[in-house]
Structure formats: C-alpha cells, structure tokens
Amino acid sequence: MSSAVPPPAPSAASISAALAALGAYAKPPTDAELARQAQAAGGEHVLAAVLANALYGAAIGAGMLTEGHMLERGGGAREMTLARNQVINASGASGPGVTGMLHWQAGQIAEPLRAWAAKADLGPIGNAVAEVAWALVLLLEATRVTDPADPRFDGLHDNLTEAIDHLNTAVARLTAVKDTAGDLAGMLAAFGYFGTE
C-alpha cells in the first residue's frame, strides 16, 4: 500500500476462500451464493469490503490464539515483535503507506468504541478509551499530510484541534476517576460488557 497506484481489490470469492482457510466457513460460498450476497449488500464492491473486514476479524482471532500458544511455550518480546511486524509486511504497506495502514487499523479500534459510547454510557474509563481511540485516528490522519499542496492540509488545524479536545476530555474523565474512591473494578467490568454485544 505505497503511494503508487494501488493494486486491484481482491474479489469476494478470493476473500471467502481465505475465510474458509482460517476456519471461519465450513466451505466457501458458491458463485451463486456470493452473487445473492452481493446483491443484498449493495454490490460486489460492498460485499468484498464486508468480507475483507470479516477476514481481518478472523485473522485477529487466529493471531490472538497463536500468540497465546507462542507465549505459553516460552516466547517473549523478541518473538512477539517478530510476529507483529508481519502485520505491516503482509499488508504490503511501505513508506507513507505504513501510516495509512496504521490509520486504518486505529479506525478498526475506534469505530466500535464510538458506537458503544453513542449507545450507552461506558463509564468514565470506557468513555475515556473511546475518546483516546478517536484522537489516535485523527492524529494518524494528520501525520499522513506532509505537503502543503495536499488538499487535506487545509483541514489539518481542525483535525488537531478536535484531537486535542478528545484527549482533554479523556484526561478529565480519568482524573475524575483517579480522584474518587469509586469502584474501579466495577467501572472496568461495565466497560468490558459492551464488547460481548
């Protein structure tokens, strides 16, 4: 994912095959099933994006499982770094594309957190986590602007201001928690509940 011409997007069929290889499907959908799913989703391009994100989720599950096994068998920081560097390598990102890939990954974290926070109060810690995650997205987006001729340059000041606002809100929430004798474990448990919905 360098700044050069991007490669063609993978097809829904190829992504389905990868999902099957990771065990997310018992077998890949047939061409007819994929065509029906694409029509229901709003087009093959939408279905491919949906399936690619499902593949990302399946890969996360596989990564968590295999890293756990690696750590149980004596792996440490060196092995973890070796394993996690493969995320960047396999993404094809290089140069400025690495920041773009990290921005995309941060969005994968921030979006569900923002959705949960919009739906219900996550408590001071959970809400602070959502604020910090979105600030990270904004800051990574800002780091992608390296040239004043970039059309995004005009919005850079607003981007940074919004990130600062989110971080200040997070600091205020965390300071309030730290300065009270509330049930910290209960607050964390309440936040963790939203991930099971």
C-alpha atoms as a PDB file:
ATOM      1  CA  MET A   1       0.000   0.000   0.000  1.00  0.00           C
ATOM      2  CA  SER A   2       2.519   2.603  -1.060  1.00  0.00           C
ATOM      3  CA  SER A   3       1.515   5.947  -2.526  1.00  0.00           C
ATOM      4  CA  ALA A   4       1.849   4.462  -6.043  1.00  0.00           C
ATOM      5  CA  VAL A   5      -1.105   3.080  -7.994  1.00  0.00           C
ATOM      6  CA  PRO A   6      -2.912   0.684  -5.641  1.00  0.00           C
ATOM      7  CA  PRO A   7      -3.297  -2.950  -6.640  1.00  0.00           C
ATOM      8  CA  PRO A   8      -6.751  -4.155  -7.697  1.00  0.00           C
ATOM      9  CA  ALA A   9      -9.091  -5.018  -4.845  1.00  0.00           C
ATOM     10  CA  PRO A  10      -9.403  -8.714  -4.022  1.00  0.00           C
ATOM     11  CA  SER A  11     -12.633 -10.349  -5.160  1.00  0.00           C
ATOM     12  CA  ALA A  12     -15.339 -11.509  -2.777  1.00  0.00           C
ATOM     13  CA  ALA A  13     -14.642 -15.084  -3.920  1.00  0.00           C
ATOM     14  CA  SER A  14     -10.930 -14.908  -3.032  1.00  0.00           C
ATOM     15  CA  ILE A  15     -11.680 -13.414   0.365  1.00  0.00           C
ATOM     16  CA  SER A  16     -14.296 -16.112   1.016  1.00  0.00           C
ATOM     17  CA  ALA A  17     -11.680 -18.742   0.231  1.00  0.00           C
ATOM     18  CA  ALA A  18      -9.305 -17.141   2.747  1.00  0.00           C
ATOM     19  CA  LEU A  19     -12.066 -17.123   5.378  1.00  0.00           C
ATOM     20  CA  ALA A  20     -12.626 -20.827   4.720  1.00  0.00           C
ATOM     21  CA  ALA A  21      -8.884 -21.478   5.065  1.00  0.00           C
ATOM     22  CA  LEU A  22      -8.934 -19.825   8.511  1.00  0.00           C
ATOM     23  CA  GLY A  23     -11.906 -21.975   9.524  1.00  0.00           C
ATOM     24  CA  ALA A  24     -14.466 -19.142   9.551  1.00  0.00           C
ATOM     25  CA  TYR A  25     -16.554 -21.009   6.958  1.00  0.00           C
ATOM     26  CA  ALA A  26     -17.163 -24.705   6.725  1.00  0.00           C
ATOM     27  CA  LYS A  27     -16.769 -24.236   2.969  1.00  0.00           C
ATOM     28  CA  PRO A  28     -16.555 -21.191   0.721  1.00  0.00           C
ATOM     29  CA  PRO A  29     -19.887 -19.945  -0.659  1.00  0.00           C
ATOM     30  CA  THR A  30     -20.703 -20.911  -4.229  1.00  0.00           C
ATOM     31  CA  ASP A  31     -20.608 -18.304  -7.000  1.00  0.00           C
ATOM     32  CA  ALA A  32     -24.421 -18.196  -6.934  1.00  0.00           C
ATOM     33  CA  GLU A  33     -24.451 -17.627  -3.157  1.00  0.00           C
ATOM     34  CA  LEU A  34     -21.864 -14.870  -3.491  1.00  0.00           C
ATOM     35  CA  ALA A  35     -23.916 -13.218  -6.242  1.00  0.00           C
ATOM     36  CA  ARG A  36     -27.010 -13.229  -3.990  1.00  0.00           C
ATOM     37  CA  GLN A  37     -24.990 -11.854  -1.066  1.00  0.00           C
ATOM     38  CA  ALA A  38     -23.509  -9.127  -3.267  1.00  0.00           C
ATOM     39  CA  GLN A  39     -26.941  -8.081  -4.465  1.00  0.00           C
ATOM     40  CA  ALA A  40     -28.243  -7.951  -0.880  1.00  0.00           C
ATOM     41  CA  ALA A  41     -25.205  -5.959   0.300  1.00  0.00           C
ATOM     42  CA  GLY A  42     -25.438  -3.349  -2.460  1.00  0.00           C
ATOM     43  CA  GLY A  43     -22.874  -4.653  -4.900  1.00  0.00           C
ATOM     44  CA  GLU A  44     -19.804  -6.858  -5.210  1.00  0.00           C
ATOM     45  CA  HIS A  45     -17.569  -3.982  -4.064  1.00  0.00           C
ATOM     46  CA  VAL A  46     -19.580  -3.719  -0.806  1.00  0.00           C
ATOM     47  CA  LEU A  47     -19.563  -7.471  -0.255  1.00  0.00           C
ATOM     48  CA  ALA A  48     -15.794  -7.605  -0.845  1.00  0.00           C
ATOM     49  CA  ALA A  49     -15.259  -4.889   1.799  1.00  0.00           C
ATOM     50  CA  VAL A  50     -17.580  -6.672   4.242  1.00  0.00           C
ATOM     51  CA  LEU A  51     -15.806  -9.995   3.702  1.00  0.00           C
ATOM     52  CA  ALA A  52     -12.352  -8.388   3.898  1.00  0.00           C
ATOM     53  CA  ASN A  53     -13.252  -6.956   7.295  1.00  0.00           C
ATOM     54  CA  ALA A  54     -14.575 -10.361   8.345  1.00  0.00           C
ATOM     55  CA  LEU A  55     -11.248 -11.821   7.218  1.00  0.00           C
ATOM     56  CA  TYR A  56      -9.441  -9.189   9.284  1.00  0.00           C
ATOM     57  CA  GLY A  57     -11.508 -10.272  12.307  1.00  0.00           C
ATOM     58  CA  ALA A  58     -10.770 -13.939  11.656  1.00  0.00           C
ATOM     59  CA  ALA A  59      -7.070 -13.127  11.329  1.00  0.00           C
ATOM     60  CA  ILE A  60      -7.182 -11.242  14.630  1.00  0.00           C
ATOM     61  CA  GLY A  61      -8.698 -14.322  16.282  1.00  0.00           C
ATOM     62  CA  ALA A  62      -6.020 -16.543  14.739  1.00  0.00           C
ATOM     63  CA  GLY A  63      -3.321 -14.090  15.817  1.00  0.00           C
ATOM     64  CA  MET A  64      -4.548 -13.972  19.404  1.00  0.00           C
ATOM     65  CA  LEU A  65      -4.745 -17.758  19.592  1.00  0.00           C
ATOM     66  CA  THR A  66      -1.339 -18.427  18.052  1.00  0.00           C
ATOM     67  CA  GLU A  67       0.388 -15.659  20.042  1.00  0.00           C
ATOM     68  CA  GLY A  68      -1.086 -17.167  23.211  1.00  0.00           C
ATOM     69  CA  HIS A  69       0.321 -20.580  22.294  1.00  0.00           C
ATOM     70  CA  MET A  70       3.671 -18.979  21.443  1.00  0.00           C
ATOM     71  CA  LEU A  71       3.842 -17.235  24.852  1.00  0.00           C
ATOM     72  CA  GLU A  72       2.827 -20.415  26.682  1.00  0.00           C
ATOM     73  CA  ARG A  73       5.761 -22.185  25.024  1.00  0.00           C
ATOM     74  CA  GLY A  74       8.287 -19.575  26.181  1.00  0.00           C
ATOM     75  CA  GLY A  75       8.066 -16.892  23.519  1.00  0.00           C
ATOM     76  CA  GLY A  76       8.873 -13.388  24.692  1.00  0.00           C
ATOM     77  CA  ALA A  77       9.279  -9.827  23.497  1.00  0.00           C
ATOM     78  CA  ARG A  78      11.603 -10.727  20.595  1.00  0.00           C
ATOM     79  CA  GLU A  79       9.232 -13.340  19.230  1.00  0.00           C
ATOM     80  CA  MET A  80       6.206 -11.057  19.725  1.00  0.00           C
ATOM     81  CA  THR A  81       7.927  -8.267  17.779  1.00  0.00           C
ATOM     82  CA  LEU A  82       8.829 -10.710  15.015  1.00  0.00           C
ATOM     83  CA  ALA A  83       5.224 -11.930  14.819  1.00  0.00           C
ATOM     84  CA  ARG A  84       3.576  -8.500  14.946  1.00  0.00           C
ATOM     85  CA  ASN A  85       5.882  -6.955  12.369  1.00  0.00           C
ATOM     86  CA  GLN A  86       4.252  -9.336   9.900  1.00  0.00           C
ATOM     87  CA  VAL A  87       1.070  -7.223  10.024  1.00  0.00           C
ATOM     88  CA  ILE A  88       2.898  -4.403   8.252  1.00  0.00           C
ATOM     89  CA  ASN A  89       4.820  -6.761   5.976  1.00  0.00           C
ATOM     90  CA  ALA A  90       1.747  -8.707   4.868  1.00  0.00           C
ATOM     91  CA  SER A  91      -0.287  -5.517   4.338  1.00  0.00           C
ATOM     92  CA  GLY A  92       2.123  -4.509   1.590  1.00  0.00           C
ATOM     93  CA  ALA A  93       2.468  -1.082   3.198  1.00  0.00           C
ATOM     94  CA  SER A  94       5.729   0.792   2.746  1.00  0.00           C
ATOM     95  CA  GLY A  95       6.882   4.354   3.277  1.00  0.00           C
ATOM     96  CA  PRO A  96       3.901   6.663   3.859  1.00  0.00           C
ATOM     97  CA  GLY A  97       1.629   3.679   3.296  1.00  0.00           C
ATOM     98  CA  VAL A  98       2.591   2.356   6.746  1.00  0.00           C
ATOM     99  CA  THR A  99       0.960   5.402   8.360  1.00  0.00           C
ATOM    100  CA  GLY A 100      -2.095   4.859   6.181  1.00  0.00           C
ATOM    101  CA  MET A 101      -2.291   1.234   7.305  1.00  0.00           C
ATOM    102  CA  LEU A 102      -1.946   2.246  10.978  1.00  0.00           C
ATOM    103  CA  HIS A 103      -4.667   4.888  10.465  1.00  0.00           C
ATOM    104  CA  TRP A 104      -6.957   2.177   9.062  1.00  0.00           C
ATOM    105  CA  GLN A 105      -6.167  -0.150  11.972  1.00  0.00           C
ATOM    106  CA  ALA A 106      -6.833   2.597  14.521  1.00  0.00           C
ATOM    107  CA  GLY A 107     -10.209   3.143  12.868  1.00  0.00           C
ATOM    108  CA  GLN A 108     -10.981  -0.548  13.347  1.00  0.00           C
ATOM    109  CA  ILE A 109     -10.499   0.012  17.087  1.00  0.00           C
ATOM    110  CA  ALA A 110     -12.137   3.422  17.376  1.00  0.00           C
ATOM    111  CA  GLU A 111     -15.322   2.757  15.399  1.00  0.00           C
ATOM    112  CA  PRO A 112     -16.797   0.074  17.702  1.00  0.00           C
ATOM    113  CA  LEU A 113     -15.780   2.083  20.767  1.00  0.00           C
ATOM    114  CA  ARG A 114     -17.537   5.196  19.424  1.00  0.00           C
ATOM    115  CA  ALA A 115     -20.608   3.129  18.540  1.00  0.00           C
ATOM    116  CA  TRP A 116     -20.765   1.654  22.050  1.00  0.00           C
ATOM    117  CA  ALA A 117     -20.304   5.104  23.645  1.00  0.00           C
ATOM    118  CA  ALA A 118     -23.102   6.525  21.464  1.00  0.00           C
ATOM    119  CA  LYS A 119     -25.398   3.685  22.514  1.00  0.00           C
ATOM    120  CA  ALA A 120     -24.760   3.703  26.259  1.00  0.00           C
ATOM    121  CA  ASP A 121     -22.599   5.252  28.945  1.00  0.00           C
ATOM    122  CA  LEU A 122     -19.403   3.183  29.130  1.00  0.00           C
ATOM    123  CA  GLY A 123     -18.426   4.734  32.433  1.00  0.00           C
ATOM    124  CA  PRO A 124     -15.573   7.205  32.877  1.00  0.00           C
ATOM    125  CA  ILE A 125     -12.838   4.786  31.856  1.00  0.00           C
ATOM    126  CA  GLY A 126     -14.690   3.290  28.907  1.00  0.00           C
ATOM    127  CA  ASN A 127     -15.681   6.726  27.641  1.00  0.00           C
ATOM    128  CA  ALA A 128     -12.071   7.892  28.028  1.00  0.00           C
ATOM    129  CA  VAL A 129     -10.906   4.896  25.990  1.00  0.00           C
ATOM    130  CA  ALA A 130     -13.322   5.858  23.202  1.00  0.00           C
ATOM    131  CA  GLU A 131     -12.069   9.470  23.272  1.00  0.00           C
ATOM    132  CA  VAL A 132      -8.394   8.441  23.132  1.00  0.00           C
ATOM    133  CA  ALA A 133      -9.024   5.940  20.338  1.00  0.00           C
ATOM    134  CA  TRP A 134     -10.694   8.575  18.164  1.00  0.00           C
ATOM    135  CA  ALA A 135      -7.914  11.076  18.942  1.00  0.00           C
ATOM    136  CA  LEU A 136      -5.426   8.469  17.707  1.00  0.00           C
ATOM    137  CA  VAL A 137      -7.353   8.145  14.428  1.00  0.00           C
ATOM    138  CA  LEU A 138      -7.298  11.926  13.981  1.00  0.00           C
ATOM    139  CA  LEU A 139      -3.586  12.209  14.789  1.00  0.00           C
ATOM    140  CA  LEU A 140      -2.622   9.383  12.439  1.00  0.00           C
ATOM    141  CA  GLU A 141      -4.725  11.045   9.752  1.00  0.00           C
ATOM    142  CA  ALA A 142      -2.819  14.288  10.413  1.00  0.00           C
ATOM    143  CA  THR A 143       0.558  12.547  10.039  1.00  0.00           C
ATOM    144  CA  ARG A 144      -0.433  11.493   6.516  1.00  0.00           C
ATOM    145  CA  VAL A 145      -0.427  15.153   5.423  1.00  0.00           C
ATOM    146  CA  THR A 146       3.193  16.010   4.593  1.00  0.00           C
ATOM    147  CA  ASP A 147       2.792  18.581   1.826  1.00  0.00           C
ATOM    148  CA  PRO A 148       1.029  21.979   1.990  1.00  0.00           C
ATOM    149  CA  ALA A 149      -0.256  21.272  -1.536  1.00  0.00           C
ATOM    150  CA  ASP A 150      -2.182  18.243  -0.211  1.00  0.00           C
ATOM    151  CA  PRO A 151      -5.907  19.145  -0.206  1.00  0.00           C
ATOM    152  CA  ARG A 152      -6.138  17.734   3.333  1.00  0.00           C
ATOM    153  CA  PHE A 153      -3.681  20.378   4.572  1.00  0.00           C
ATOM    154  CA  ASP A 154      -6.469  22.956   4.934  1.00  0.00           C
ATOM    155  CA  GLY A 155      -8.261  20.750   7.459  1.00  0.00           C
ATOM    156  CA  LEU A 156      -5.121  19.928   9.459  1.00  0.00           C
ATOM    157  CA  HIS A 157      -5.689  22.638  12.091  1.00  0.00           C
ATOM    158  CA  ASP A 158      -9.278  21.484  12.699  1.00  0.00           C
ATOM    159  CA  ASN A 159      -8.107  17.879  12.869  1.00  0.00           C
ATOM    160  CA  LEU A 160      -5.512  18.665  15.524  1.00  0.00           C
ATOM    161  CA  THR A 161      -7.958  20.836  17.475  1.00  0.00           C
ATOM    162  CA  GLU A 162     -10.507  18.012  17.517  1.00  0.00           C
ATOM    163  CA  ALA A 163      -7.839  15.510  18.631  1.00  0.00           C
ATOM    164  CA  ILE A 164      -6.809  17.822  21.479  1.00  0.00           C
ATOM    165  CA  ASP A 165     -10.455  18.204  22.547  1.00  0.00           C
ATOM    166  CA  HIS A 166     -10.887  14.413  22.682  1.00  0.00           C
ATOM    167  CA  LEU A 167      -7.658  13.982  24.646  1.00  0.00           C
ATOM    168  CA  ASN A 168      -8.603  16.758  27.105  1.00  0.00           C
ATOM    169  CA  THR A 169     -11.985  15.113  27.653  1.00  0.00           C
ATOM    170  CA  ALA A 170     -10.273  11.763  28.259  1.00  0.00           C
ATOM    171  CA  VAL A 171      -7.850  13.335  30.754  1.00  0.00           C
ATOM    172  CA  ALA A 172     -10.746  14.976  32.615  1.00  0.00           C
ATOM    173  CA  ARG A 173     -12.624  11.662  32.810  1.00  0.00           C
ATOM    174  CA  LEU A 174      -9.556   9.747  34.014  1.00  0.00           C
ATOM    175  CA  THR A 175      -8.619  12.433  36.538  1.00  0.00           C
ATOM    176  CA  ALA A 176     -12.131  12.303  37.996  1.00  0.00           C
ATOM    177  CA  VAL A 177     -11.835   8.527  38.389  1.00  0.00           C
ATOM    178  CA  LYS A 178      -8.382   8.759  39.939  1.00  0.00           C
ATOM    179  CA  ASP A 179      -9.532  11.407  42.411  1.00  0.00           C
ATOM    180  CA  THR A 180     -12.535   9.422  43.640  1.00  0.00           C
ATOM    181  CA  ALA A 181     -12.711   6.290  45.718  1.00  0.00           C
ATOM    182  CA  GLY A 182     -15.178   4.657  43.352  1.00  0.00           C
ATOM    183  CA  ASP A 183     -15.358   1.022  42.415  1.00  0.00           C
ATOM    184  CA  LEU A 184     -12.649   0.908  39.759  1.00  0.00           C
ATOM    185  CA  ALA A 185     -13.107  -2.818  39.115  1.00  0.00           C
ATOM    186  CA  GLY A 186     -16.848  -2.285  38.630  1.00  0.00           C
ATOM    187  CA  MET A 187     -16.229   0.514  36.137  1.00  0.00           C
ATOM    188  CA  LEU A 188     -13.892  -1.668  34.119  1.00  0.00           C
ATOM    189  CA  ALA A 189     -16.305  -4.606  34.206  1.00  0.00           C
ATOM    190  CA  ALA A 190     -19.132  -2.365  32.938  1.00  0.00           C
ATOM    191  CA  PHE A 191     -16.969  -1.271  30.008  1.00  0.00           C
ATOM    192  CA  GLY A 192     -15.980  -4.853  29.164  1.00  0.00           C
ATOM    193  CA  TYR A 193     -19.631  -5.893  28.952  1.00  0.00           C
ATOM    194  CA  PHE A 194     -20.195  -3.860  25.779  1.00  0.00           C
ATOM    195  CA  GLY A 195     -17.706  -5.975  23.846  1.00  0.00           C
ATOM    196  CA  THR A 196     -19.944  -9.006  24.227  1.00  0.00           C
ATOM    197  CA  GLU A 197     -22.968  -7.477  22.473  1.00  0.00           C
END
